C-alpha atoms as a PDB file:
ATOM      1  CA  VAL A   1       0.000   0.000   0.000  1.00  0.00           C
ATOM      2  CA  GLN A   2       1.301   3.411  -0.959  1.00  0.00           C
ATOM      3  CA  LEU A   3      -0.295   6.749  -0.172  1.00  0.00           C
ATOM      4  CA  VAL A   4       1.110  10.048  -1.438  1.00  0.00           C
ATOM      5  CA  GLU A   5      -0.292  13.397  -0.304  1.00  0.00           C
ATOM      6  CA  SER A   6       0.004  16.653  -2.193  1.00  0.00           C
ATOM      7  CA  GLY A   7      -1.600  20.064  -2.364  1.00  0.00           C
ATOM      8  CA  GLY A   8      -0.383  21.644   0.841  1.00  0.00           C
ATOM      9  CA  GLY A   9       0.898  25.185   1.003  1.00  0.00           C
ATOM     10  CA  SER A  10       0.604  28.553   2.654  1.00  0.00           C
ATOM     11  CA  VAL A  11      -2.790  30.237   2.631  1.00  0.00           C
ATOM     12  CA  ARG A  12      -4.525  33.108   4.372  1.00  0.00           C
ATOM     13  CA  PRO A  13      -7.449  32.787   6.768  1.00  0.00           C
ATOM     14  CA  ALA A  14     -10.765  32.200   4.954  1.00  0.00           C
ATOM     15  CA  ASP A  15      -8.953  30.840   1.868  1.00  0.00           C
ATOM     16  CA  SER A  16      -9.572  27.430   0.324  1.00  0.00           C
ATOM     17  CA  LEU A  17      -7.174  24.592  -0.394  1.00  0.00           C
ATOM     18  CA  ARG A  18      -7.535  21.070  -1.755  1.00  0.00           C
ATOM     19  CA  LEU A  19      -5.344  18.234  -0.584  1.00  0.00           C
ATOM     20  CA  SER A  20      -4.935  15.032  -2.583  1.00  0.00           C
ATOM     21  CA  CYS A  21      -4.029  11.514  -1.534  1.00  0.00           C
ATOM     22  CA  ALA A  22      -3.056   9.223  -4.392  1.00  0.00           C
ATOM     23  CA  ALA A  23      -3.195   5.520  -3.631  1.00  0.00           C
ATOM     24  CA  SER A  24      -1.314   2.730  -5.344  1.00  0.00           C
ATOM     25  CA  GLU A  25      -0.940  -1.007  -4.889  1.00  0.00           C
ATOM     26  CA  PHE A  26      -4.495  -1.208  -3.566  1.00  0.00           C
ATOM     27  CA  SER A  27      -7.910   0.070  -4.576  1.00  0.00           C
ATOM     28  CA  LEU A  28      -9.558   2.781  -2.489  1.00  0.00           C
ATOM     29  CA  ASP A  29     -13.088   1.957  -3.527  1.00  0.00           C
ATOM     30  CA  THR A  30     -13.711  -0.802  -0.984  1.00  0.00           C
ATOM     31  CA  TYR A  31     -11.979   0.641   2.063  1.00  0.00           C
ATOM     32  CA  ALA A  32     -12.244   3.418   4.610  1.00  0.00           C
ATOM     33  CA  VAL A  33      -9.598   6.113   4.249  1.00  0.00           C
ATOM     34  CA  GLY A  34      -9.047   9.094   6.465  1.00  0.00           C
ATOM     35  CA  TRP A  35      -7.250  12.397   6.862  1.00  0.00           C
ATOM     36  CA  PHE A  36      -5.280  13.143   9.998  1.00  0.00           C
ATOM     37  CA  ARG A  37      -3.367  16.242  10.991  1.00  0.00           C
ATOM     38  CA  GLN A  38      -0.655  17.040  13.468  1.00  0.00           C
ATOM     39  CA  ALA A  39       0.046  20.559  14.627  1.00  0.00           C
ATOM     40  CA  PRO A  40       3.335  21.506  16.313  1.00  0.00           C
ATOM     41  CA  GLY A  41       3.406  20.237  19.859  1.00  0.00           C
ATOM     42  CA  LYS A  42       0.088  18.435  19.543  1.00  0.00           C
ATOM     43  CA  ASP A  43      -0.990  14.848  19.057  1.00  0.00           C
ATOM     44  CA  ARG A  44      -2.087  13.564  15.676  1.00  0.00           C
ATOM     45  CA  GLU A  45      -5.861  13.765  15.256  1.00  0.00           C
ATOM     46  CA  ALA A  46      -8.350  12.410  12.754  1.00  0.00           C
ATOM     47  CA  VAL A  47     -10.232  15.148  10.921  1.00  0.00           C
ATOM     48  CA  ALA A  48     -12.225  13.263   8.290  1.00  0.00           C
ATOM     49  CA  CYS A  49     -12.927   9.769   7.063  1.00  0.00           C
ATOM     50  CA  ILE A  50     -14.796   8.215   4.160  1.00  0.00           C
ATOM     51  CA  GLU A  51     -16.103   4.685   3.846  1.00  0.00           C
ATOM     52  CA  ASN A  52     -15.712   4.301   0.118  1.00  0.00           C
ATOM     53  CA  TRP A  53     -17.899   1.200  -0.190  1.00  0.00           C
ATOM     54  CA  ASN A  54     -20.979   3.128   0.988  1.00  0.00           C
ATOM     55  CA  SER A  55     -19.815   6.763   0.619  1.00  0.00           C
ATOM     56  CA  ARG A  56     -20.440   7.580   4.282  1.00  0.00           C
ATOM     57  CA  THR A  57     -18.362  10.497   5.533  1.00  0.00           C
ATOM     58  CA  PHE A  58     -17.407  11.601   9.010  1.00  0.00           C
ATOM     59  CA  TYR A  59     -15.799  14.783  10.314  1.00  0.00           C
ATOM     60  CA  ALA A  60     -14.250  16.112  13.470  1.00  0.00           C
ATOM     61  CA  ASP A  61     -16.300  18.895  15.014  1.00  0.00           C
ATOM     62  CA  SER A  62     -13.449  21.339  14.432  1.00  0.00           C
ATOM     63  CA  VAL A  63     -13.749  21.005  10.630  1.00  0.00           C
ATOM     64  CA  LYS A  64     -17.398  20.080  10.131  1.00  0.00           C
ATOM     65  CA  GLY A  65     -19.038  22.379   7.608  1.00  0.00           C
ATOM     66  CA  ARG A  66     -15.672  23.623   6.308  1.00  0.00           C
ATOM     67  CA  PHE A  67     -13.882  20.501   5.034  1.00  0.00           C
ATOM     68  CA  THR A  68     -15.196  17.935   2.573  1.00  0.00           C
ATOM     69  CA  ILE A  69     -13.693  14.493   2.014  1.00  0.00           C
ATOM     70  CA  SER A  70     -14.279  12.717  -1.283  1.00  0.00           C
ATOM     71  CA  THR A  71     -12.864   9.996  -3.483  1.00  0.00           C
ATOM     72  CA  TYR A  72     -12.586   9.672  -7.248  1.00  0.00           C
ATOM     73  CA  ASN A  73     -12.372   5.948  -7.748  1.00  0.00           C
ATOM     74  CA  THR A  74     -11.302   6.135 -11.388  1.00  0.00           C
ATOM     75  CA  GLN A  75      -8.224   8.063 -10.286  1.00  0.00           C
ATOM     76  CA  ASN A  76      -7.787   6.057  -7.081  1.00  0.00           C
ATOM     77  CA  THR A  77      -7.362   9.397  -5.329  1.00  0.00           C
ATOM     78  CA  MET A  78      -8.934  10.864  -2.213  1.00  0.00           C
ATOM     79  CA  TYR A  79      -9.346  14.589  -1.625  1.00  0.00           C
ATOM     80  CA  LEU A  80      -9.835  16.956   1.275  1.00  0.00           C
ATOM     81  CA  GLN A  81     -11.409  20.207   0.200  1.00  0.00           C
ATOM     82  CA  MET A  82     -10.661  22.811   2.838  1.00  0.00           C
ATOM     83  CA  THR A  83     -12.651  26.041   2.864  1.00  0.00           C
ATOM     84  CA  ASN A  84     -12.733  29.000   5.233  1.00  0.00           C
ATOM     85  CA  VAL A  85      -9.433  27.861   6.722  1.00  0.00           C
ATOM     86  CA  LYS A  86      -8.409  29.121  10.149  1.00  0.00           C
ATOM     87  CA  TYR A  87      -5.077  29.633  11.885  1.00  0.00           C
ATOM     88  CA  GLU A  88      -5.726  26.502  13.921  1.00  0.00           C
ATOM     89  CA  ASP A  89      -5.847  24.416  10.738  1.00  0.00           C
ATOM     90  CA  THR A  90      -2.076  24.833  10.452  1.00  0.00           C
ATOM     91  CA  ALA A  91      -0.613  21.310  10.600  1.00  0.00           C
ATOM     92  CA  ILE A  92       0.921  18.499   8.637  1.00  0.00           C
ATOM     93  CA  TYR A  93      -1.896  16.567   6.992  1.00  0.00           C
ATOM     94  CA  TYR A  94      -1.661  12.820   6.452  1.00  0.00           C
ATOM     95  CA  CYS A  95      -3.895  10.325   4.724  1.00  0.00           C
ATOM     96  CA  ALA A  96      -4.141   6.851   6.174  1.00  0.00           C
ATOM     97  CA  THR A  97      -5.952   3.566   5.853  1.00  0.00           C
ATOM     98  CA  ASP A  98      -6.175   0.310   7.727  1.00  0.00           C
ATOM     99  CA  GLN A  99      -7.711  -1.401   4.713  1.00  0.00           C
ATOM    100  CA  GLU A 100     -10.925  -1.977   6.603  1.00  0.00           C
ATOM    101  CA  ASP A 101     -14.400  -1.019   5.416  1.00  0.00           C
ATOM    102  CA  SER A 102     -15.247   0.988   8.545  1.00  0.00           C
ATOM    103  CA  CYS A 103     -13.991   4.362   9.734  1.00  0.00           C
ATOM    104  CA  ARG A 104     -14.204   3.162  13.330  1.00  0.00           C
ATOM    105  CA  GLU A 105     -10.498   2.607  13.882  1.00  0.00           C
ATOM    106  CA  ILE A 106      -9.519   5.797  12.069  1.00  0.00           C
ATOM    107  CA  LEU A 107     -11.934   7.955  14.033  1.00  0.00           C
ATOM    108  CA  PHE A 108     -11.913   6.400  17.497  1.00  0.00           C
ATOM    109  CA  ASN A 109      -8.636   4.628  18.126  1.00  0.00           C
ATOM    110  CA  PRO A 110      -6.411   7.059  20.075  1.00  0.00           C
ATOM    111  CA  LYS A 111      -3.430   4.879  19.170  1.00  0.00           C
ATOM    112  CA  TRP A 112      -3.220   6.358  15.688  1.00  0.00           C
ATOM    113  CA  TRP A 113       0.138   4.661  15.130  1.00  0.00           C
ATOM    114  CA  GLU A 114      -1.739   1.378  14.912  1.00  0.00           C
ATOM    115  CA  ILE A 115      -3.301   2.473  11.613  1.00  0.00           C
ATOM    116  CA  GLY A 116      -1.512   0.374   9.031  1.00  0.00           C
ATOM    117  CA  SER A 117      -0.643   2.665   6.121  1.00  0.00           C
ATOM    118  CA  TRP A 118       0.313   6.334   5.999  1.00  0.00           C
ATOM    119  CA  GLY A 119       1.429   8.882   3.506  1.00  0.00           C
ATOM    120  CA  GLN A 120       4.415  11.122   4.096  1.00  0.00           C
ATOM    121  CA  GLY A 121       2.299  14.172   4.916  1.00  0.00           C
ATOM    122  CA  THR A 122       1.788  17.601   3.384  1.00  0.00           C
ATOM    123  CA  GLN A 123       2.199  20.880   5.257  1.00  0.00           C
ATOM    124  CA  VAL A 124      -0.651  23.380   5.473  1.00  0.00           C
ATOM    125  CA  THR A 125       0.162  26.778   6.941  1.00  0.00           C
ATOM    126  CA  VAL A 126      -2.493  29.396   7.568  1.00  0.00           C
ATOM    127  CA  SER A 127      -1.081  32.852   8.159  1.00  0.00           C
ATOM    128  CA  THR A 128      -1.382  36.454   7.122  1.00  0.00           C
END
């Protein structure tokens, strides 16, 4: 399993940004895949997850209504559309999967390091 994130950068508050997570050596369309982020000095946290087999999506309260997770199966790529970004969205963003059909582990397991596959991360910085 390989996951490669891209799309990070520096943006201003209230701007929009789209992150991508390209998958290879496995097919996204039957698994749950999530986005995590880790801000300086803070623990890694799950921000969004999609169960691709049924298209159910889940979001952390901190991003609900501002971020949208989606998958384009033909491209085997997952996206995180970020809108109305805030200073507190500054972090390294990672995509991850445990190759399970449920988002349960991604969303609720505090031992995030137990999630099986990770990308290398992409930096998002929100500043003026």
